[in-house]
C-alpha atoms as a PDB file:
ATOM      1  CA  UNK A   1      -6.128 -85.748 -50.330  1.00  0.00           C
ATOM      2  CA  UNK A   2      -4.964 -89.226 -51.946  1.00  0.00           C
ATOM      3  CA  UNK A   3      -4.657 -88.460 -55.682  1.00  0.00           C
ATOM      4  CA  UNK A   4      -7.282 -90.683 -57.689  1.00  0.00           C
ATOM      5  CA  UNK A   5      -6.451 -91.639 -61.270  1.00  0.00           C
ATOM      6  CA  UNK A   6      -8.904 -92.013 -64.039  1.00  0.00           C
ATOM      7  CA  UNK A   7      -8.142 -95.594 -64.400  1.00  0.00           C
ATOM      8  CA  UNK A   8      -8.219 -95.786 -60.645  1.00  0.00           C
ATOM      9  CA  UNK A   9     -11.999 -94.251 -60.864  1.00  0.00           C
ATOM     10  CA  UNK A  10     -12.679 -96.413 -63.642  1.00  0.00           C
ATOM     11  CA  UNK A  11     -11.898 -99.505 -61.859  1.00  0.00           C
ATOM     12  CA  UNK A  12     -14.084 -98.455 -58.678  1.00  0.00           C
ATOM     13  CA  UNK A  13     -17.001 -97.641 -61.172  1.00  0.00           C
ATOM     14  CA  UNK A  14     -16.585-101.417 -61.988  1.00  0.00           C
ATOM     15  CA  UNK A  15     -16.156-102.533 -58.600  1.00  0.00           C
ATOM     16  CA  UNK A  16     -19.522-100.733 -57.643  1.00  0.00           C
ATOM     17  CA  UNK A  17     -21.465-102.103 -60.566  1.00  0.00           C
ATOM     18  CA  UNK A  18     -20.323-105.759 -60.573  1.00  0.00           C
ATOM     19  CA  UNK A  19     -20.698-105.132 -56.372  1.00  0.00           C
ATOM     20  CA  UNK A  20     -24.257-104.122 -56.994  1.00  0.00           C
ATOM     21  CA  UNK A  21     -25.630-106.656 -59.406  1.00  0.00           C
ATOM     22  CA  UNK A  22     -23.557-109.753 -58.209  1.00  0.00           C
ATOM     23  CA  UNK A  23     -23.120-109.410 -54.554  1.00  0.00           C
ATOM     24  CA  UNK A  24     -26.141-108.088 -53.386  1.00  0.00           C
ATOM     25  CA  UNK A  25     -27.090-111.659 -52.317  1.00  0.00           C
ATOM     26  CA  UNK A  26     -31.003-111.483 -53.559  1.00  0.00           C
ATOM     27  CA  UNK A  27     -33.561-114.239 -53.168  1.00  0.00           C
ATOM     28  CA  UNK A  28     -33.129-116.511 -55.545  1.00  0.00           C
ATOM     29  CA  UNK A  29     -35.793-118.765 -57.188  1.00  0.00           C
ATOM     30  CA  UNK A  30     -34.841-121.731 -54.806  1.00  0.00           C
ATOM     31  CA  UNK A  31     -35.218-119.771 -51.755  1.00  0.00           C
ATOM     32  CA  UNK A  32     -38.468-118.395 -52.843  1.00  0.00           C
ATOM     33  CA  UNK A  33     -39.736-121.735 -53.375  1.00  0.00           C
ATOM     34  CA  UNK A  34     -38.720-122.662 -49.889  1.00  0.00           C
ATOM     35  CA  UNK A  35     -40.262-119.390 -48.398  1.00  0.00           C
ATOM     36  CA  UNK A  36     -37.499-117.382 -47.775  1.00  0.00           C
ATOM     37  CA  UNK A  37     -38.139-113.650 -47.644  1.00  0.00           C
ATOM     38  CA  UNK A  38     -36.035-110.166 -46.650  1.00  0.00           C
ATOM     39  CA  UNK A  39     -36.677-107.470 -44.908  1.00  0.00           C
ATOM     40  CA  UNK A  40     -35.188-103.959 -44.815  1.00  0.00           C
ATOM     41  CA  UNK A  41     -34.799-101.496 -42.211  1.00  0.00           C
ATOM     42  CA  UNK A  42     -33.785 -98.043 -42.505  1.00  0.00           C
ATOM     43  CA  UNK A  43     -32.738 -95.107 -40.085  1.00  0.00           C
ATOM     44  CA  UNK A  44     -31.092 -91.734 -39.932  1.00  0.00           C
ATOM     45  CA  UNK A  45     -30.254 -88.501 -38.186  1.00  0.00           C
ATOM     46  CA  UNK A  46     -29.660 -84.943 -39.161  1.00  0.00           C
ATOM     47  CA  UNK A  47     -26.390 -83.623 -37.824  1.00  0.00           C
ATOM     48  CA  UNK A  48     -24.990 -80.299 -37.478  1.00  0.00           C
ATOM     49  CA  UNK A  49     -23.204 -77.808 -34.423  1.00  0.00           C
ATOM     50  CA  UNK A  50     -26.171 -77.719 -32.631  1.00  0.00           C
ATOM     51  CA  UNK A  51     -27.450 -81.315 -32.397  1.00  0.00           C
ATOM     52  CA  UNK A  52     -27.068 -82.671 -29.158  1.00  0.00           C
ATOM     53  CA  UNK A  53     -25.228 -86.209 -28.711  1.00  0.00           C
ATOM     54  CA  UNK A  54     -25.128 -88.668 -25.725  1.00  0.00           C
ATOM     55  CA  UNK A  55     -21.416 -89.590 -24.760  1.00  0.00           C
ATOM     56  CA  UNK A  56     -22.661 -92.449 -22.470  1.00  0.00           C
ATOM     57  CA  UNK A  57     -24.410 -94.255 -24.885  1.00  0.00           C
ATOM     58  CA  UNK A  58     -22.182 -93.190 -27.671  1.00  0.00           C
ATOM     59  CA  UNK A  59     -19.645 -95.065 -25.282  1.00  0.00           C
ATOM     60  CA  UNK A  60     -21.821 -98.053 -24.938  1.00  0.00           C
ATOM     61  CA  UNK A  61     -22.770 -98.571 -28.337  1.00  0.00           C
ATOM     62  CA  UNK A  62     -19.770 -98.640 -29.776  1.00  0.00           C
ATOM     63  CA  UNK A  63     -18.065-101.316 -26.869  1.00  0.00           C
ATOM     64  CA  UNK A  64     -20.620-103.591 -28.256  1.00  0.00           C
ATOM     65  CA  UNK A  65     -19.886-102.775 -32.040  1.00  0.00           C
ATOM     66  CA  UNK A  66     -16.186-102.812 -31.472  1.00  0.00           C
ATOM     67  CA  UNK A  67     -16.505-106.267 -29.597  1.00  0.00           C
ATOM     68  CA  UNK A  68     -18.453-108.054 -32.506  1.00  0.00           C
ATOM     69  CA  UNK A  69     -16.260-106.895 -35.013  1.00  0.00           C
ATOM     70  CA  UNK A  70     -13.027-108.085 -33.246  1.00  0.00           C
ATOM     71  CA  UNK A  71     -13.669-111.693 -32.618  1.00  0.00           C
ATOM     72  CA  UNK A  72     -12.767-114.209 -32.973  1.00  0.00           C
ATOM     73  CA  UNK A  73      -9.362-113.295 -34.533  1.00  0.00           C
ATOM     74  CA  UNK A  74      -8.464-110.597 -31.851  1.00  0.00           C
ATOM     75  CA  UNK A  75      -8.621-110.692 -28.124  1.00  0.00           C
ATOM     76  CA  UNK A  76      -8.582-107.178 -27.527  1.00  0.00           C
ATOM     77  CA  UNK A  77     -11.321-104.419 -28.408  1.00  0.00           C
ATOM     78  CA  UNK A  78     -10.171-102.184 -31.418  1.00  0.00           C
ATOM     79  CA  UNK A  79     -10.331 -98.676 -31.264  1.00  0.00           C
ATOM     80  CA  UNK A  80      -8.820 -95.735 -33.675  1.00  0.00           C
ATOM     81  CA  UNK A  81      -5.719 -94.586 -34.016  1.00  0.00           C
ATOM     82  CA  UNK A  82      -5.792 -91.156 -35.240  1.00  0.00           C
ATOM     83  CA  UNK A  83      -2.728 -88.079 -35.683  1.00  0.00           C
ATOM     84  CA  UNK A  84      -3.233 -84.601 -36.242  1.00  0.00           C
ATOM     85  CA  UNK A  85      -7.090 -84.939 -35.837  1.00  0.00           C
ATOM     86  CA  UNK A  86      -9.034 -83.094 -33.270  1.00  0.00           C
ATOM     87  CA  UNK A  87     -12.290 -85.368 -31.995  1.00  0.00           C
ATOM     88  CA  UNK A  88     -15.417 -83.772 -31.948  1.00  0.00           C
ATOM     89  CA  UNK A  89     -18.571 -85.999 -31.203  1.00  0.00           C
ATOM     90  CA  UNK A  90     -19.898 -89.472 -31.653  1.00  0.00           C
ATOM     91  CA  UNK A  91     -23.544 -90.202 -32.562  1.00  0.00           C
ATOM     92  CA  UNK A  92     -25.113 -93.539 -32.957  1.00  0.00           C
ATOM     93  CA  UNK A  93     -27.793 -95.480 -34.542  1.00  0.00           C
ATOM     94  CA  UNK A  94     -29.875 -98.348 -33.868  1.00  0.00           C
ATOM     95  CA  UNK A  95     -32.728-100.224 -36.075  1.00  0.00           C
ATOM     96  CA  UNK A  96     -35.324-101.652 -34.528  1.00  0.00           C
ATOM     97  CA  UNK A  97     -35.477-105.689 -34.617  1.00  0.00           C
ATOM     98  CA  UNK A  98     -37.567-107.683 -36.651  1.00  0.00           C
ATOM     99  CA  UNK A  99     -37.740-111.102 -37.079  1.00  0.00           C
ATOM    100  CA  UNK A 100     -34.812-111.438 -38.922  1.00  0.00           C
ATOM    101  CA  UNK A 101     -31.854-108.875 -38.451  1.00  0.00           C
ATOM    102  CA  UNK A 102     -31.193-105.886 -36.722  1.00  0.00           C
ATOM    103  CA  UNK A 103     -28.282-103.342 -36.690  1.00  0.00           C
ATOM    104  CA  UNK A 104     -26.149-100.427 -34.718  1.00  0.00           C
ATOM    105  CA  UNK A 105     -24.307 -97.801 -35.899  1.00  0.00           C
ATOM    106  CA  UNK A 106     -21.244 -95.704 -34.716  1.00  0.00           C
ATOM    107  CA  UNK A 107     -20.431 -92.377 -36.209  1.00  0.00           C
ATOM    108  CA  UNK A 108     -17.279 -90.771 -35.380  1.00  0.00           C
ATOM    109  CA  UNK A 109     -16.614 -87.168 -36.195  1.00  0.00           C
ATOM    110  CA  UNK A 110     -12.806 -85.847 -36.423  1.00  0.00           C
ATOM    111  CA  UNK A 111     -11.784 -82.241 -37.490  1.00  0.00           C
ATOM    112  CA  UNK A 112      -8.280 -82.386 -39.673  1.00  0.00           C
ATOM    113  CA  UNK A 113      -5.667 -80.269 -37.534  1.00  0.00           C
ATOM    114  CA  UNK A 114      -3.961 -79.253 -40.765  1.00  0.00           C
ATOM    115  CA  UNK A 115      -4.010 -75.443 -41.971  1.00  0.00           C
ATOM    116  CA  UNK A 116      -6.223 -74.283 -45.071  1.00  0.00           C
ATOM    117  CA  UNK A 117      -6.959 -70.879 -45.859  1.00  0.00           C
ATOM    118  CA  UNK A 118     -10.149 -71.606 -47.746  1.00  0.00           C
ATOM    119  CA  UNK A 119     -11.453 -74.766 -46.306  1.00  0.00           C
ATOM    120  CA  UNK A 120     -12.078 -76.686 -43.216  1.00  0.00           C
ATOM    121  CA  UNK A 121     -11.667 -80.773 -43.494  1.00  0.00           C
ATOM    122  CA  UNK A 122     -13.217 -83.264 -41.394  1.00  0.00           C
ATOM    123  CA  UNK A 123     -13.175 -87.311 -41.055  1.00  0.00           C
ATOM    124  CA  UNK A 124     -16.417 -89.010 -40.895  1.00  0.00           C
ATOM    125  CA  UNK A 125     -15.312 -92.769 -39.029  1.00  0.00           C
ATOM    126  CA  UNK A 126     -18.301 -95.180 -39.630  1.00  0.00           C
ATOM    127  CA  UNK A 127     -18.420 -98.746 -37.482  1.00  0.00           C
ATOM    128  CA  UNK A 128     -21.591-100.397 -38.118  1.00  0.00           C
ATOM    129  CA  UNK A 129     -22.880-104.258 -37.012  1.00  0.00           C
ATOM    130  CA  UNK A 130     -26.112-106.418 -38.135  1.00  0.00           C
ATOM    131  CA  UNK A 131     -27.212-109.187 -36.026  1.00  0.00           C
ATOM    132  CA  UNK A 132     -29.211-112.238 -37.681  1.00  0.00           C
ATOM    133  CA  UNK A 133     -32.188-112.611 -35.066  1.00  0.00           C
ATOM    134  CA  UNK A 134     -32.251-116.756 -34.902  1.00  0.00           C
ATOM    135  CA  UNK A 135     -34.866-118.046 -32.208  1.00  0.00           C
ATOM    136  CA  UNK A 136     -33.228-121.529 -32.195  1.00  0.00           C
ATOM    137  CA  UNK A 137     -35.906-123.205 -34.116  1.00  0.00           C
ATOM    138  CA  UNK A 138     -36.458-120.654 -37.377  1.00  0.00           C
ATOM    139  CA  UNK A 139     -33.033-119.695 -39.227  1.00  0.00           C
ATOM    140  CA  UNK A 140     -32.645-116.221 -40.124  1.00  0.00           C
ATOM    141  CA  UNK A 141     -29.978-114.794 -42.619  1.00  0.00           C
ATOM    142  CA  UNK A 142     -28.028-111.845 -42.365  1.00  0.00           C
ATOM    143  CA  UNK A 143     -27.724-110.034 -45.850  1.00  0.00           C
ATOM    144  CA  UNK A 144     -26.368-106.450 -45.583  1.00  0.00           C
ATOM    145  CA  UNK A 145     -24.983-103.803 -43.217  1.00  0.00           C
ATOM    146  CA  UNK A 146     -25.065 -99.919 -44.918  1.00  0.00           C
ATOM    147  CA  UNK A 147     -24.230 -96.826 -42.910  1.00  0.00           C
ATOM    148  CA  UNK A 148     -23.800 -93.558 -44.691  1.00  0.00           C
ATOM    149  CA  UNK A 149     -23.145 -90.022 -44.385  1.00  0.00           C
ATOM    150  CA  UNK A 150     -24.983 -87.637 -47.003  1.00  0.00           C
ATOM    151  CA  UNK A 151     -23.514 -83.965 -47.011  1.00  0.00           C
ATOM    152  CA  UNK A 152     -26.662 -81.271 -46.885  1.00  0.00           C
ATOM    153  CA  UNK A 153     -24.864 -78.421 -48.606  1.00  0.00           C
ATOM    154  CA  UNK A 154     -23.828 -77.458 -52.186  1.00  0.00           C
ATOM    155  CA  UNK A 155     -20.357 -76.368 -51.494  1.00  0.00           C
ATOM    156  CA  UNK A 156     -19.659 -79.134 -49.008  1.00  0.00           C
ATOM    157  CA  UNK A 157     -17.424 -82.015 -50.572  1.00  0.00           C
ATOM    158  CA  UNK A 158     -16.305 -85.723 -49.995  1.00  0.00           C
ATOM    159  CA  UNK A 159     -12.778 -85.599 -50.921  1.00  0.00           C
ATOM    160  CA  UNK A 160     -11.677 -89.264 -50.029  1.00  0.00           C
ATOM    161  CA  UNK A 161     -13.046 -92.658 -48.767  1.00  0.00           C
ATOM    162  CA  UNK A 162     -12.110 -96.078 -47.284  1.00  0.00           C
ATOM    163  CA  UNK A 163     -13.240 -98.796 -47.941  1.00  0.00           C
ATOM    164  CA  UNK A 164     -11.486 -98.000 -51.600  1.00  0.00           C
ATOM    165  CA  UNK A 165     -11.829-101.301 -52.972  1.00  0.00           C
ATOM    166  CA  UNK A 166     -13.756-104.492 -51.903  1.00  0.00           C
ATOM    167  CA  UNK A 167     -12.665-107.351 -50.236  1.00  0.00           C
ATOM    168  CA  UNK A 168     -14.662-111.083 -50.310  1.00  0.00           C
ATOM    169  CA  UNK A 169     -13.827-114.247 -48.288  1.00  0.00           C
ATOM    170  CA  UNK A 170     -15.555-117.437 -47.102  1.00  0.00           C
ATOM    171  CA  UNK A 171     -13.591-117.519 -43.882  1.00  0.00           C
ATOM    172  CA  UNK A 172     -12.161-115.346 -41.150  1.00  0.00           C
ATOM    173  CA  UNK A 173     -10.014-112.262 -42.352  1.00  0.00           C
ATOM    174  CA  UNK A 174      -8.533-109.175 -40.378  1.00  0.00           C
ATOM    175  CA  UNK A 175      -9.102-105.779 -42.664  1.00  0.00           C
ATOM    176  CA  UNK A 176      -7.190-102.862 -41.673  1.00  0.00           C
ATOM    177  CA  UNK A 177      -9.008 -99.405 -42.983  1.00  0.00           C
ATOM    178  CA  UNK A 178      -6.638 -96.548 -42.987  1.00  0.00           C
ATOM    179  CA  UNK A 179      -7.642 -93.043 -44.069  1.00  0.00           C
ATOM    180  CA  UNK A 180      -4.773 -90.515 -44.762  1.00  0.00           C
ATOM    181  CA  UNK A 181      -4.944 -87.139 -46.348  1.00  0.00           C
ATOM    182  CA  UNK A 182      -2.568 -84.330 -46.851  1.00  0.00           C
ATOM    183  CA  UNK A 183      -3.358 -80.518 -46.613  1.00  0.00           C
ATOM    184  CA  UNK A 184      -0.686 -77.629 -46.870  1.00  0.00           C
ATOM    185  CA  UNK A 185       2.387 -79.906 -46.529  1.00  0.00           C
ATOM    186  CA  UNK A 186       1.067 -82.071 -43.853  1.00  0.00           C
ATOM    187  CA  UNK A 187      -1.039 -85.305 -43.159  1.00  0.00           C
ATOM    188  CA  UNK A 188      -3.579 -86.399 -40.892  1.00  0.00           C
ATOM    189  CA  UNK A 189      -5.246 -89.768 -40.907  1.00  0.00           C
ATOM    190  CA  UNK A 190      -7.473 -92.732 -38.939  1.00  0.00           C
ATOM    191  CA  UNK A 191      -6.847 -96.386 -38.938  1.00  0.00           C
ATOM    192  CA  UNK A 192      -8.025 -98.847 -37.379  1.00  0.00           C
ATOM    193  CA  UNK A 193      -8.584-103.324 -38.043  1.00  0.00           C
ATOM    194  CA  UNK A 194     -11.680-105.619 -37.944  1.00  0.00           C
ATOM    195  CA  UNK A 195     -12.648-109.084 -38.416  1.00  0.00           C
ATOM    196  CA  UNK A 196     -14.897-110.447 -41.534  1.00  0.00           C
ATOM    197  CA  UNK A 197     -15.716-113.601 -40.771  1.00  0.00           C
ATOM    198  CA  UNK A 198     -17.302-114.167 -44.672  1.00  0.00           C
ATOM    199  CA  UNK A 199     -18.985-112.103 -47.167  1.00  0.00           C
ATOM    200  CA  UNK A 200     -18.379-108.884 -49.367  1.00  0.00           C
ATOM    201  CA  UNK A 201     -17.117-105.404 -47.725  1.00  0.00           C
ATOM    202  CA  UNK A 202     -16.509-102.281 -49.838  1.00  0.00           C
ATOM    203  CA  UNK A 203     -17.630 -99.201 -51.321  1.00  0.00           C
ATOM    204  CA  UNK A 204     -21.526 -98.942 -52.201  1.00  0.00           C
ATOM    205  CA  UNK A 205     -22.574 -95.687 -53.024  1.00  0.00           C
ATOM    206  CA  UNK A 206     -20.214 -92.768 -53.828  1.00  0.00           C
ATOM    207  CA  UNK A 207     -20.940 -88.996 -54.790  1.00  0.00           C
ATOM    208  CA  UNK A 208     -18.208 -86.580 -54.592  1.00  0.00           C
ATOM    209  CA  UNK A 209     -20.154 -83.721 -56.029  1.00  0.00           C
ATOM    210  CA  UNK A 210     -22.538 -81.282 -54.576  1.00  0.00           C
ATOM    211  CA  UNK A 211     -24.521 -82.954 -52.505  1.00  0.00           C
ATOM    212  CA  UNK A 212     -22.179 -85.881 -52.327  1.00  0.00           C
ATOM    213  CA  UNK A 213     -22.687 -89.261 -49.995  1.00  0.00           C
ATOM    214  CA  UNK A 214     -20.543 -92.179 -49.517  1.00  0.00           C
ATOM    215  CA  UNK A 215     -22.342 -95.571 -48.086  1.00  0.00           C
ATOM    216  CA  UNK A 216     -19.873 -98.774 -47.873  1.00  0.00           C
ATOM    217  CA  UNK A 217     -21.148-101.687 -47.048  1.00  0.00           C
ATOM    218  CA  UNK A 218     -21.170-105.386 -46.203  1.00  0.00           C
ATOM    219  CA  UNK A 219     -23.086-108.150 -47.957  1.00  0.00           C
ATOM    220  CA  UNK A 220     -23.428-111.537 -47.579  1.00  0.00           C
ATOM    221  CA  UNK A 221     -25.625-114.694 -46.390  1.00  0.00           C
ATOM    222  CA  UNK A 222     -24.606-115.059 -43.080  1.00  0.00           C
ATOM    223  CA  UNK A 223     -25.847-116.343 -39.956  1.00  0.00           C
ATOM    224  CA  UNK A 224     -24.143-114.297 -37.394  1.00  0.00           C
ATOM    225  CA  UNK A 225     -23.210-110.715 -36.471  1.00  0.00           C
ATOM    226  CA  UNK A 226     -21.167-109.196 -39.192  1.00  0.00           C
ATOM    227  CA  UNK A 227     -20.104-105.631 -39.589  1.00  0.00           C
ATOM    228  CA  UNK A 228     -17.429-102.926 -40.908  1.00  0.00           C
ATOM    229  CA  UNK A 229     -15.704 -99.940 -40.448  1.00  0.00           C
ATOM    230  CA  UNK A 230     -15.236 -97.106 -43.164  1.00  0.00           C
ATOM    231  CA  UNK A 231     -14.503 -93.590 -43.128  1.00  0.00           C
ATOM    232  CA  UNK A 232     -15.046 -90.287 -45.095  1.00  0.00           C
ATOM    233  CA  UNK A 233     -13.127 -87.320 -45.162  1.00  0.00           C
ATOM    234  CA  UNK A 234     -14.751 -83.894 -46.643  1.00  0.00           C
ATOM    235  CA  UNK A 235     -14.543 -80.574 -46.948  1.00  0.00           C
ATOM    236  CA  UNK A 236     -16.565 -77.497 -45.867  1.00  0.00           C
ATOM    237  CA  UNK A 237     -15.689 -73.432 -46.962  1.00  0.00           C
ATOM    238  CA  UNK A 238     -13.870 -72.009 -43.814  1.00  0.00           C
ATOM    239  CA  UNK A 239     -15.676 -71.544 -40.500  1.00  0.00           C
ATOM    240  CA  UNK A 240     -19.048 -72.565 -41.857  1.00  0.00           C
ATOM    241  CA  UNK A 241     -18.915 -76.003 -39.531  1.00  0.00           C
ATOM    242  CA  UNK A 242     -20.582 -79.308 -40.383  1.00  0.00           C
ATOM    243  CA  UNK A 243     -23.868 -80.274 -41.455  1.00  0.00           C
ATOM    244  CA  UNK A 244     -24.642 -84.125 -42.770  1.00  0.00           C
ATOM    245  CA  UNK A 245     -26.864 -86.851 -42.665  1.00  0.00           C
ATOM    246  CA  UNK A 246     -26.115 -90.326 -41.074  1.00  0.00           C
ATOM    247  CA  UNK A 247     -27.872 -93.428 -42.090  1.00  0.00           C
ATOM    248  CA  UNK A 248     -28.016 -97.248 -41.575  1.00  0.00           C
ATOM    249  CA  UNK A 249     -29.744-100.083 -43.030  1.00  0.00           C
ATOM    250  CA  UNK A 250     -30.095-103.732 -42.541  1.00  0.00           C
ATOM    251  CA  UNK A 251     -30.949-106.526 -45.050  1.00  0.00           C
ATOM    252  CA  UNK A 252     -32.315-109.732 -42.911  1.00  0.00           C
ATOM    253  CA  UNK A 253     -33.991-113.049 -44.625  1.00  0.00           C
ATOM    254  CA  UNK A 254     -35.708-115.771 -43.355  1.00  0.00           C
ATOM    255  CA  UNK A 255     -38.630-118.269 -43.567  1.00  0.00           C
END
């Protein structure tokens, strides 16, 4: 588990408050006068060891998400690089498509292959993209894409997360998301790159106590496809399996 100092925790709190207050890109008074409105769509899924999943559908959706997240800076699709992790499953979410936006999310679960007599550890790797629905005549804008995980049991805890800080840009940059954890004298991790065309990416909602959650997001004001990659490591009592809710939210705007 990454050691988080009080100073870092304080900085993270400030970053999250600033991101929520300043970078949420609400509809301005000028936009309201020109008739621009926002719509928001949310979907969710409860997952435990009994939940069925479709590996073929997951691979199709994940490939499309990866294609969007690796253009135009990279020519090849991006896939996670892992070590000391056991792959468990991939779940997906897709929002309905309204007149402004739609989104897709891929949630890949790994079990950490390190020994601990008291706990089992997992990493949930989240990839999500949004698309503004522009019919060529009436412009629309992508405002936010927000995947997330929420733990459902009192004794489960979120230990670590990525992205840990914020990135804001007005021109394309490549971001590396790297989540490395340590338990029992060993390390495990997962890493992946994606292209941020413009806007802001960072942690948005975080709770590391009982019934914890982590929800990173991209937000901005973009006529195109954009998204993000993020990850959360969580622990559960030894042998208790996993139980959590997945979520995906997209916000679009238009006339």
